[in-house]
Amino acid sequence: MFFVYVLKSQKDNKFYVGYTHDLRKRFEEHNKGLVSSTRLRKPFVLVYYEAYANQEDAKEREEMLKRFSESMVHLRKRIRKSILSK
């Protein structure tokens, strides 16, 4: 399985979108500061993820959420209570 995930930084309250085949390991890497793009924004909470059987599908979804602000706005509306509670 491949996962598209959304993290929320507890430091600056901004979001990070990524994809991986091992969600638990990748989440741990973000929080340990092992990911250069998020190192200065840790700690994180996982606010959302989607699972895909195909890597290409997961990568396309990640790119859609990163490129098109409208997609992220729609997702934020869907998970607004999860975002606020973290």
PDB file of N, CA and C in Angstrom:
ATOM      1  N   MET A   1       0.841  -1.194   0.000  1.00  0.00           N
ATOM      2  CA  MET A   1       0.000   0.000   0.000  1.00  0.00           C
ATOM      3  C   MET A   1       0.878   1.247   0.000  1.00  0.00           C
ATOM      4  N   PHE A   2       0.329   2.304  -0.558  1.00  0.00           N
ATOM      5  CA  PHE A   2       0.982   3.610  -0.573  1.00  0.00           C
ATOM      6  C   PHE A   2       0.021   4.605   0.062  1.00  0.00           C
ATOM      7  N   PHE A   3       0.576   5.564   0.757  1.00  0.00           N
ATOM      8  CA  PHE A   3      -0.234   6.497   1.520  1.00  0.00           C
ATOM      9  C   PHE A   3       0.083   7.934   1.145  1.00  0.00           C
ATOM     10  N   VAL A   4      -0.963   8.716   0.957  1.00  0.00           N
ATOM     11  CA  VAL A   4      -0.851  10.169   0.849  1.00  0.00           C
ATOM     12  C   VAL A   4      -1.257  10.681   2.215  1.00  0.00           C
ATOM     13  N   TYR A   5      -0.458  11.567   2.776  1.00  0.00           N
ATOM     14  CA  TYR A   5      -0.724  12.002   4.140  1.00  0.00           C
ATOM     15  C   TYR A   5      -0.607  13.514   4.273  1.00  0.00           C
ATOM     16  N   VAL A   6      -1.295  14.028   5.276  1.00  0.00           N
ATOM     17  CA  VAL A   6      -1.238  15.452   5.593  1.00  0.00           C
ATOM     18  C   VAL A   6      -0.827  15.574   7.050  1.00  0.00           C
ATOM     19  N   LEU A   7       0.255  16.295   7.264  1.00  0.00           N
ATOM     20  CA  LEU A   7       0.739  16.574   8.612  1.00  0.00           C
ATOM     21  C   LEU A   7       0.462  18.026   8.936  1.00  0.00           C
ATOM     22  N   LYS A   8       0.231  18.299  10.194  1.00  0.00           N
ATOM     23  CA  LYS A   8       0.084  19.678  10.668  1.00  0.00           C
ATOM     24  C   LYS A   8       1.211  19.947  11.643  1.00  0.00           C
ATOM     25  N   SER A   9       1.950  21.008  11.378  1.00  0.00           N
ATOM     26  CA  SER A   9       3.046  21.392  12.259  1.00  0.00           C
ATOM     27  C   SER A   9       2.480  22.013  13.532  1.00  0.00           C
ATOM     28  N   GLN A  10       2.936  21.528  14.663  1.00  0.00           N
ATOM     29  CA  GLN A  10       2.518  22.124  15.929  1.00  0.00           C
ATOM     30  C   GLN A  10       3.315  23.392  16.223  1.00  0.00           C
ATOM     31  N   LYS A  11       4.338  23.633  15.437  1.00  0.00           N
ATOM     32  CA  LYS A  11       5.161  24.830  15.617  1.00  0.00           C
ATOM     33  C   LYS A  11       4.556  26.036  14.898  1.00  0.00           C
ATOM     34  N   ASP A  12       4.168  25.846  13.628  1.00  0.00           N
ATOM     35  CA  ASP A  12       3.656  26.984  12.858  1.00  0.00           C
ATOM     36  C   ASP A  12       2.227  26.789  12.340  1.00  0.00           C
ATOM     37  N   ASN A  13       1.589  25.653  12.684  1.00  0.00           N
ATOM     38  CA  ASN A  13       0.209  25.343  12.286  1.00  0.00           C
ATOM     39  C   ASN A  13       0.009  25.232  10.774  1.00  0.00           C
ATOM     40  N   LYS A  14       1.080  25.063  10.016  1.00  0.00           N
ATOM     41  CA  LYS A  14       0.972  24.884   8.570  1.00  0.00           C
ATOM     42  C   LYS A  14       0.958  23.392   8.258  1.00  0.00           C
ATOM     43  N   PHE A  15       0.547  23.089   7.023  1.00  0.00           N
ATOM     44  CA  PHE A  15       0.382  21.708   6.611  1.00  0.00           C
ATOM     45  C   PHE A  15       1.517  21.261   5.697  1.00  0.00           C
ATOM     46  N   TYR A  16       1.756  19.968   5.708  1.00  0.00           N
ATOM     47  CA  TYR A  16       2.712  19.342   4.810  1.00  0.00           C
ATOM     48  C   TYR A  16       2.029  18.128   4.202  1.00  0.00           C
ATOM     49  N   VAL A  17       2.143  17.979   2.887  1.00  0.00           N
ATOM     50  CA  VAL A  17       1.553  16.853   2.167  1.00  0.00           C
ATOM     51  C   VAL A  17       2.675  16.000   1.604  1.00  0.00           C
ATOM     52  N   GLY A  18       2.562  14.692   1.762  1.00  0.00           N
ATOM     53  CA  GLY A  18       3.554  13.784   1.215  1.00  0.00           C
ATOM     54  C   GLY A  18       2.946  12.443   0.882  1.00  0.00           C
ATOM     55  N   TYR A  19       3.779  11.553   0.343  1.00  0.00           N
ATOM     56  CA  TYR A  19       3.328  10.179   0.130  1.00  0.00           C
ATOM     57  C   TYR A  19       4.461   9.226   0.458  1.00  0.00           C
ATOM     58  N   THR A  20       4.101   8.006   0.835  1.00  0.00           N
ATOM     59  CA  THR A  20       5.076   7.017   1.268  1.00  0.00           C
ATOM     60  C   THR A  20       4.476   5.622   1.192  1.00  0.00           C
ATOM     61  N   HIS A  21       5.316   4.616   1.292  1.00  0.00           N
ATOM     62  CA  HIS A  21       4.823   3.242   1.378  1.00  0.00           C
ATOM     63  C   HIS A  21       4.794   2.755   2.832  1.00  0.00           C
ATOM     64  N   ASP A  22       5.418   3.511   3.728  1.00  0.00           N
ATOM     65  CA  ASP A  22       5.448   3.140   5.156  1.00  0.00           C
ATOM     66  C   ASP A  22       5.099   4.377   5.980  1.00  0.00           C
ATOM     67  N   LEU A  23       3.828   4.551   6.244  1.00  0.00           N
ATOM     68  CA  LEU A  23       3.341   5.771   6.892  1.00  0.00           C
ATOM     69  C   LEU A  23       3.907   5.955   8.297  1.00  0.00           C
ATOM     70  N   ARG A  24       3.939   4.901   9.077  1.00  0.00           N
ATOM     71  CA  ARG A  24       4.459   5.028  10.449  1.00  0.00           C
ATOM     72  C   ARG A  24       5.924   5.444  10.457  1.00  0.00           C
ATOM     73  N   LYS A  25       6.716   4.819   9.622  1.00  0.00           N
ATOM     74  CA  LYS A  25       8.141   5.149   9.550  1.00  0.00           C
ATOM     75  C   LYS A  25       8.343   6.594   9.081  1.00  0.00           C
ATOM     76  N   ARG A  26       7.610   6.990   8.057  1.00  0.00           N
ATOM     77  CA  ARG A  26       7.776   8.344   7.515  1.00  0.00           C
ATOM     78  C   ARG A  26       7.342   9.393   8.534  1.00  0.00           C
ATOM     79  N   PHE A  27       6.256   9.147   9.246  1.00  0.00           N
ATOM     80  CA  PHE A  27       5.796  10.070  10.280  1.00  0.00           C
ATOM     81  C   PHE A  27       6.872  10.229  11.354  1.00  0.00           C
ATOM     82  N   GLU A  28       7.458   9.128  11.743  1.00  0.00           N
ATOM     83  CA  GLU A  28       8.540   9.158  12.727  1.00  0.00           C
ATOM     84  C   GLU A  28       9.745   9.948  12.210  1.00  0.00           C
ATOM     85  N   GLU A  29      10.073   9.775  10.936  1.00  0.00           N
ATOM     86  CA  GLU A  29      11.193  10.518  10.343  1.00  0.00           C
ATOM     87  C   GLU A  29      10.933  12.021  10.375  1.00  0.00           C
ATOM     88  N   HIS A  30       9.707  12.423  10.075  1.00  0.00           N
ATOM     89  CA  HIS A  30       9.360  13.854  10.139  1.00  0.00           C
ATOM     90  C   HIS A  30       9.558  14.382  11.557  1.00  0.00           C
ATOM     91  N   ASN A  31       9.075  13.661  12.535  1.00  0.00           N
ATOM     92  CA  ASN A  31       9.144  14.142  13.915  1.00  0.00           C
ATOM     93  C   ASN A  31      10.533  14.052  14.534  1.00  0.00           C
ATOM     94  N   LYS A  32      11.402  13.236  13.973  1.00  0.00           N
ATOM     95  CA  LYS A  32      12.785  13.169  14.456  1.00  0.00           C
ATOM     96  C   LYS A  32      13.689  14.182  13.754  1.00  0.00           C
ATOM     97  N   GLY A  33      13.134  14.926  12.781  1.00  0.00           N
ATOM     98  CA  GLY A  33      13.919  15.913  12.060  1.00  0.00           C
ATOM     99  C   GLY A  33      14.783  15.319  10.964  1.00  0.00           C
ATOM    100  N   LEU A  34      14.449  14.134  10.486  1.00  0.00           N
ATOM    101  CA  LEU A  34      15.242  13.462   9.461  1.00  0.00           C
ATOM    102  C   LEU A  34      14.841  13.835   8.035  1.00  0.00           C
ATOM    103  N   VAL A  35      13.787  14.639   7.895  1.00  0.00           N
ATOM    104  CA  VAL A  35      13.321  15.084   6.580  1.00  0.00           C
ATOM    105  C   VAL A  35      13.691  16.554   6.446  1.00  0.00           C
ATOM    106  N   SER A  36      14.583  16.852   5.511  1.00  0.00           N
ATOM    107  CA  SER A  36      15.135  18.208   5.418  1.00  0.00           C
ATOM    108  C   SER A  36      14.063  19.278   5.196  1.00  0.00           C
ATOM    109  N   SER A  37      13.029  18.963   4.418  1.00  0.00           N
ATOM    110  CA  SER A  37      12.015  19.977   4.108  1.00  0.00           C
ATOM    111  C   SER A  37      11.118  20.318   5.287  1.00  0.00           C
ATOM    112  N   THR A  38      11.096  19.482   6.312  1.00  0.00           N
ATOM    113  CA  THR A  38      10.225  19.745   7.459  1.00  0.00           C
ATOM    114  C   THR A  38      10.979  19.850   8.781  1.00  0.00           C
ATOM    115  N   ARG A  39      12.274  19.717   8.740  1.00  0.00           N
ATOM    116  CA  ARG A  39      13.091  19.661   9.958  1.00  0.00           C
ATOM    117  C   ARG A  39      12.806  20.808  10.929  1.00  0.00           C
ATOM    118  N   LEU A  40      12.684  22.006  10.409  1.00  0.00           N
ATOM    119  CA  LEU A  40      12.524  23.182  11.274  1.00  0.00           C
ATOM    120  C   LEU A  40      11.083  23.403  11.736  1.00  0.00           C
ATOM    121  N   ARG A  41      10.158  22.563  11.262  1.00  0.00           N
ATOM    122  CA  ARG A  41       8.742  22.763  11.581  1.00  0.00           C
ATOM    123  C   ARG A  41       8.192  21.713  12.534  1.00  0.00           C
ATOM    124  N   LYS A  42       9.003  20.816  13.025  1.00  0.00           N
ATOM    125  CA  LYS A  42       8.536  19.750  13.918  1.00  0.00           C
ATOM    126  C   LYS A  42       8.206  20.296  15.291  1.00  0.00           C
ATOM    127  N   PRO A  43       7.367  19.658  16.046  1.00  0.00           N
ATOM    128  CA  PRO A  43       6.724  18.358  15.843  1.00  0.00           C
ATOM    129  C   PRO A  43       5.464  18.467  14.984  1.00  0.00           C
ATOM    130  N   PHE A  44       5.045  17.306  14.498  1.00  0.00           N
ATOM    131  CA  PHE A  44       3.877  17.200  13.636  1.00  0.00           C
ATOM    132  C   PHE A  44       2.837  16.268  14.240  1.00  0.00           C
ATOM    133  N   VAL A  45       1.597  16.484  13.810  1.00  0.00           N
ATOM    134  CA  VAL A  45       0.527  15.530  14.074  1.00  0.00           C
ATOM    135  C   VAL A  45      -0.028  15.110  12.718  1.00  0.00           C
ATOM    136  N   LEU A  46      -0.415  13.867  12.621  1.00  0.00           N
ATOM    137  CA  LEU A  46      -1.027  13.356  11.398  1.00  0.00           C
ATOM    138  C   LEU A  46      -2.502  13.707  11.443  1.00  0.00           C
ATOM    139  N   VAL A  47      -2.976  14.468  10.463  1.00  0.00           N
ATOM    140  CA  VAL A  47      -4.384  14.870  10.466  1.00  0.00           C
ATOM    141  C   VAL A  47      -5.208  14.147   9.412  1.00  0.00           C
ATOM    142  N   TYR A  48      -4.538  13.495   8.441  1.00  0.00           N
ATOM    143  CA  TYR A  48      -5.296  12.840   7.376  1.00  0.00           C
ATOM    144  C   TYR A  48      -4.383  11.935   6.576  1.00  0.00           C
ATOM    145  N   TYR A  49      -4.947  10.825   6.079  1.00  0.00           N
ATOM    146  CA  TYR A  49      -4.222  10.013   5.103  1.00  0.00           C
ATOM    147  C   TYR A  49      -5.205   9.258   4.223  1.00  0.00           C
ATOM    148  N   GLU A  50      -4.736   8.894   3.045  1.00  0.00           N
ATOM    149  CA  GLU A  50      -5.478   8.078   2.100  1.00  0.00           C
ATOM    150  C   GLU A  50      -4.578   6.918   1.696  1.00  0.00           C
ATOM    151  N   ALA A  51      -5.142   5.749   1.469  1.00  0.00           N
ATOM    152  CA  ALA A  51      -4.367   4.575   1.071  1.00  0.00           C
ATOM    153  C   ALA A  51      -4.651   4.238  -0.392  1.00  0.00           C
ATOM    154  N   TYR A  52      -3.586   3.857  -1.096  1.00  0.00           N
ATOM    155  CA  TYR A  52      -3.672   3.474  -2.505  1.00  0.00           C
ATOM    156  C   TYR A  52      -2.917   2.177  -2.725  1.00  0.00           C
ATOM    157  N   ALA A  53      -3.433   1.339  -3.611  1.00  0.00           N
ATOM    158  CA  ALA A  53      -2.759   0.088  -3.958  1.00  0.00           C
ATOM    159  C   ALA A  53      -1.644   0.332  -4.967  1.00  0.00           C
ATOM    160  N   ASN A  54      -1.697   1.463  -5.666  1.00  0.00           N
ATOM    161  CA  ASN A  54      -0.753   1.762  -6.733  1.00  0.00           C
ATOM    162  C   ASN A  54       0.051   3.011  -6.410  1.00  0.00           C
ATOM    163  N   GLN A  55       1.367   2.946  -6.558  1.00  0.00           N
ATOM    164  CA  GLN A  55       2.240   4.076  -6.250  1.00  0.00           C
ATOM    165  C   GLN A  55       1.955   5.288  -7.133  1.00  0.00           C
ATOM    166  N   GLU A  56       1.702   5.062  -8.409  1.00  0.00           N
ATOM    167  CA  GLU A  56       1.436   6.182  -9.318  1.00  0.00           C
ATOM    168  C   GLU A  56       0.186   6.950  -8.913  1.00  0.00           C
ATOM    169  N   ASP A  57      -0.847   6.230  -8.470  1.00  0.00           N
ATOM    170  CA  ASP A  57      -2.070   6.903  -8.011  1.00  0.00           C
ATOM    171  C   ASP A  57      -1.782   7.774  -6.787  1.00  0.00           C
ATOM    172  N   ALA A  58      -0.993   7.245  -5.866  1.00  0.00           N
ATOM    173  CA  ALA A  58      -0.655   8.005  -4.660  1.00  0.00           C
ATOM    174  C   ALA A  58       0.157   9.248  -5.014  1.00  0.00           C
ATOM    175  N   LYS A  59       1.112   9.103  -5.892  1.00  0.00           N
ATOM    176  CA  LYS A  59       1.958  10.225  -6.285  1.00  0.00           C
ATOM    177  C   LYS A  59       1.143  11.304  -6.993  1.00  0.00           C
ATOM    178  N   GLU A  60       0.221  10.884  -7.863  1.00  0.00           N
ATOM    179  CA  GLU A  60      -0.638  11.849  -8.559  1.00  0.00           C
ATOM    180  C   GLU A  60      -1.512  12.616  -7.574  1.00  0.00           C
ATOM    181  N   ARG A  61      -2.054  11.919  -6.580  1.00  0.00           N
ATOM    182  CA  ARG A  61      -2.899  12.586  -5.574  1.00  0.00           C
ATOM    183  C   ARG A  61      -2.084  13.567  -4.742  1.00  0.00           C
ATOM    184  N   GLU A  62      -0.870  13.161  -4.354  1.00  0.00           N
ATOM    185  CA  GLU A  62       0.004  14.066  -3.606  1.00  0.00           C
ATOM    186  C   GLU A  62       0.277  15.331  -4.418  1.00  0.00           C
ATOM    187  N   GLU A  63       0.614  15.158  -5.685  1.00  0.00           N
ATOM    188  CA  GLU A  63       0.892  16.309  -6.546  1.00  0.00           C
ATOM    189  C   GLU A  63      -0.330  17.195  -6.705  1.00  0.00           C
ATOM    190  N   MET A  64      -1.516  16.601  -6.795  1.00  0.00           N
ATOM    191  CA  MET A  64      -2.745  17.378  -6.920  1.00  0.00           C
ATOM    192  C   MET A  64      -2.957  18.243  -5.676  1.00  0.00           C
ATOM    193  N   LEU A  65      -2.760  17.655  -4.507  1.00  0.00           N
ATOM    194  CA  LEU A  65      -2.954  18.414  -3.274  1.00  0.00           C
ATOM    195  C   LEU A  65      -1.904  19.518  -3.127  1.00  0.00           C
ATOM    196  N   LYS A  66      -0.701  19.277  -3.612  1.00  0.00           N
ATOM    197  CA  LYS A  66       0.350  20.290  -3.507  1.00  0.00           C
ATOM    198  C   LYS A  66       0.174  21.399  -4.544  1.00  0.00           C
ATOM    199  N   ARG A  67      -0.244  21.049  -5.749  1.00  0.00           N
ATOM    200  CA  ARG A  67      -0.323  22.021  -6.845  1.00  0.00           C
ATOM    201  C   ARG A  67      -1.575  22.877  -6.850  1.00  0.00           C
ATOM    202  N   PHE A  68      -2.686  22.252  -6.559  1.00  0.00           N
ATOM    203  CA  PHE A  68      -3.966  22.941  -6.722  1.00  0.00           C
ATOM    204  C   PHE A  68      -4.533  23.313  -5.362  1.00  0.00           C
ATOM    205  N   SER A  69      -4.461  24.577  -5.045  1.00  0.00           N
ATOM    206  CA  SER A  69      -4.927  25.030  -3.733  1.00  0.00           C
ATOM    207  C   SER A  69      -6.399  24.695  -3.528  1.00  0.00           C
ATOM    208  N   GLU A  70      -7.165  24.645  -4.605  1.00  0.00           N
ATOM    209  CA  GLU A  70      -8.590  24.314  -4.490  1.00  0.00           C
ATOM    210  C   GLU A  70      -8.778  22.903  -3.933  1.00  0.00           C
ATOM    211  N   SER A  71      -7.916  21.972  -4.322  1.00  0.00           N
ATOM    212  CA  SER A  71      -7.997  20.600  -3.802  1.00  0.00           C
ATOM    213  C   SER A  71      -7.740  20.578  -2.300  1.00  0.00           C
ATOM    214  N   MET A  72      -6.762  21.351  -1.869  1.00  0.00           N
ATOM    215  CA  MET A  72      -6.434  21.395  -0.443  1.00  0.00           C
ATOM    216  C   MET A  72      -7.526  22.107   0.338  1.00  0.00           C
ATOM    217  N   VAL A  73      -8.118  23.139  -0.234  1.00  0.00           N
ATOM    218  CA  VAL A  73      -9.233  23.837   0.416  1.00  0.00           C
ATOM    219  C   VAL A  73     -10.391  22.868   0.617  1.00  0.00           C
ATOM    220  N   HIS A  74     -10.693  22.081  -0.404  1.00  0.00           N
ATOM    221  CA  HIS A  74     -11.778  21.098  -0.299  1.00  0.00           C
ATOM    222  C   HIS A  74     -11.459  20.075   0.787  1.00  0.00           C
ATOM    223  N   LEU A  75     -10.223  19.593   0.822  1.00  0.00           N
ATOM    224  CA  LEU A  75      -9.836  18.620   1.844  1.00  0.00           C
ATOM    225  C   LEU A  75      -9.932  19.229   3.243  1.00  0.00           C
ATOM    226  N   ARG A  76      -9.474  20.451   3.399  1.00  0.00           N
ATOM    227  CA  ARG A  76      -9.562  21.116   4.707  1.00  0.00           C
ATOM    228  C   ARG A  76     -11.006  21.226   5.189  1.00  0.00           C
ATOM    229  N   LYS A  77     -11.921  21.492   4.270  1.00  0.00           N
ATOM    230  CA  LYS A  77     -13.336  21.565   4.641  1.00  0.00           C
ATOM    231  C   LYS A  77     -13.837  20.202   5.106  1.00  0.00           C
ATOM    232  N   ARG A  78     -13.395  19.138   4.434  1.00  0.00           N
ATOM    233  CA  ARG A  78     -13.825  17.781   4.790  1.00  0.00           C
ATOM    234  C   ARG A  78     -13.320  17.352   6.153  1.00  0.00           C
ATOM    235  N   ILE A  79     -12.132  17.829   6.539  1.00  0.00           N
ATOM    236  CA  ILE A  79     -11.524  17.367   7.780  1.00  0.00           C
ATOM    237  C   ILE A  79     -11.363  18.506   8.785  1.00  0.00           C
ATOM    238  N   ARG A  80     -12.177  19.518   8.686  1.00  0.00           N
ATOM    239  CA  ARG A  80     -11.995  20.727   9.512  1.00  0.00           C
ATOM    240  C   ARG A  80     -11.983  20.433  11.010  1.00  0.00           C
ATOM    241  N   LYS A  81     -12.810  19.524  11.466  1.00  0.00           N
ATOM    242  CA  LYS A  81     -12.853  19.201  12.896  1.00  0.00           C
ATOM    243  C   LYS A  81     -11.571  18.483  13.320  1.00  0.00           C
ATOM    244  N   SER A  82     -11.048  17.623  12.473  1.00  0.00           N
ATOM    245  CA  SER A  82      -9.783  16.953  12.781  1.00  0.00           C
ATOM    246  C   SER A  82      -8.636  17.950  12.846  1.00  0.00           C
ATOM    247  N   ILE A  83      -8.646  18.917  11.956  1.00  0.00           N
ATOM    248  CA  ILE A  83      -7.596  19.932  11.923  1.00  0.00           C
ATOM    249  C   ILE A  83      -7.663  20.800  13.160  1.00  0.00           C
ATOM    250  N   LEU A  84      -8.852  21.174  13.566  1.00  0.00           N
ATOM    251  CA  LEU A  84      -9.001  22.067  14.717  1.00  0.00           C
ATOM    252  C   LEU A  84      -8.664  21.382  16.024  1.00  0.00           C
ATOM    253  N   SER A  85      -8.894  20.093  16.099  1.00  0.00           N
ATOM    254  CA  SER A  85      -8.668  19.385  17.358  1.00  0.00           C
ATOM    255  C   SER A  85      -7.208  19.045  17.606  1.00  0.00           C
ATOM    256  N   LYS A  86      -6.364  19.231  16.636  1.00  0.00           N
ATOM    257  CA  LYS A  86      -4.941  18.867  16.779  1.00  0.00           C
ATOM    258  C   LYS A  86      -4.104  20.070  17.103  1.00  0.00           C
TER     259      LYS A  86
END
